[in-house]
Protein backbone atom coordinates (compact mmCIF):
# COMPACT_ATOMS: atom_id res chain seq x y z
CA MET A 1 86.16 31.07 -30.11
CA THR A 2 88.50 29.82 -32.82
CA LYS A 3 90.80 26.88 -32.25
CA ARG A 4 93.81 29.19 -32.48
CA GLY A 5 92.29 31.56 -29.93
CA GLU A 6 91.49 28.70 -27.58
CA THR A 7 95.02 27.32 -27.89
CA HIS A 8 96.48 30.76 -27.20
CA ARG A 9 94.24 31.19 -24.14
CA ARG A 10 95.28 27.81 -22.71
CA ALA A 11 98.98 28.49 -23.33
CA TYR A 12 98.65 31.91 -21.68
CA ARG A 13 96.93 30.34 -18.66
CA ARG A 14 99.62 27.62 -18.33
CA ALA A 15 102.41 30.19 -18.61
CA GLY A 16 100.72 32.29 -15.92
CA ALA A 17 100.45 29.27 -13.63
CA LYS A 18 104.15 28.49 -14.09
CA LEU A 19 105.09 32.11 -13.45
CA SER A 20 103.04 32.15 -10.24
CA CYS A 21 104.86 29.02 -9.05
CA TYR A 22 108.25 30.64 -9.73
CA ILE A 23 107.16 33.80 -7.89
CA HIS A 24 106.01 31.64 -4.96
CA LEU A 25 109.48 30.07 -4.80
CA VAL A 26 111.26 33.43 -5.13
CA VAL A 27 109.26 34.81 -2.20
CA TYR A 28 109.64 31.62 -0.11
CA ILE A 29 113.45 31.67 -0.14
CA PRO A 30 114.22 35.19 1.15
CA VAL A 31 111.34 35.24 3.64
CA ASN A 32 112.48 31.97 5.18
CA LEU A 33 116.12 33.09 5.19
CA LEU A 34 114.95 36.17 7.07
CA LEU A 35 113.07 33.96 9.55
CA VAL A 36 116.20 31.86 10.09
CA PHE A 37 118.23 35.02 10.72
CA ILE A 38 115.62 36.38 13.15
CA ASN A 39 115.44 33.06 14.97
CA TYR A 40 119.21 32.74 15.43
CA SER A 41 119.46 36.41 16.42
CA THR A 42 116.75 36.30 19.08
CA THR A 43 116.18 32.77 20.39
CA PRO A 44 118.92 30.42 19.13
CA GLN A 45 118.10 27.90 21.87
CA TYR A 46 114.73 27.15 20.21
CA LEU A 47 114.71 26.71 16.44
CA TRP A 48 111.15 27.75 15.63
CA PHE A 49 111.94 28.79 12.04
CA GLN A 50 111.60 25.17 10.96
CA TRP A 51 107.82 25.19 11.43
CA PRO A 52 106.93 27.97 8.97
CA LEU A 53 109.65 26.67 6.65
CA LEU A 54 108.09 23.20 6.70
CA GLY A 55 104.47 24.34 6.45
CA TRP A 56 105.09 26.79 3.65
CA GLY A 57 107.40 24.27 1.95
CA ILE A 58 104.59 21.71 1.86
CA GLY A 59 102.34 24.30 0.27
CA LEU A 60 105.05 25.12 -2.26
CA VAL A 61 105.46 21.44 -3.17
CA PHE A 62 101.70 21.07 -3.74
CA HIS A 63 101.70 24.25 -5.84
CA TRP A 64 104.53 22.83 -7.96
CA LEU A 65 102.72 19.49 -8.33
CA ALA A 66 99.51 21.21 -9.39
CA VAL A 67 101.29 23.34 -12.00
CA PHE A 68 103.83 20.92 -13.45
CA ILE A 69 102.44 17.41 -12.83
CA GLY A 70 98.67 17.94 -12.72
CA PRO A 71 98.16 19.00 -16.35
CA THR A 72 100.15 16.01 -17.61
CA LEU A 73 98.07 13.62 -15.53
CA MET A 74 94.89 15.32 -16.72
CA GLU A 75 95.91 15.01 -20.39
CA ARG A 76 96.65 11.30 -19.92
CA SER A 77 93.28 10.77 -18.24
CA VAL A 78 91.44 12.62 -21.01
CA LYS A 79 93.24 10.58 -23.70
CA ARG A 80 92.39 7.36 -21.86
CA GLU A 81 88.72 8.35 -21.62
CA LEU A 82 88.60 9.31 -25.30
CA GLU A 83 90.12 5.94 -26.24
CA LYS A 84 87.48 4.16 -24.14
CA ASP A 85 84.73 6.11 -25.89
CA ARG A 86 86.12 5.26 -29.32
CA SER A 87 86.40 1.56 -28.49
CA GLY A 88 82.85 1.49 -27.13
CA GLU A 89 83.60 0.56 -23.54
């Protein structure tokens, strides 16, 4: 594969990962609003909506970290390893 083709493939994959994270957030918000509405409509004395909101929220945070922070950390690690190889360590 050419360098241009490889670059395009990586950019396409990163854009897809970012889009999936945005979709995850767009689904998370209305579903959890619906759960809050259902909870207050049926059993307002016990606020159970917080548990799926928290669990799914943790998953959403890890998804965001993997998409937006992970690649940066990986690039830094690769650069560091390449520098070590060049210096002969």
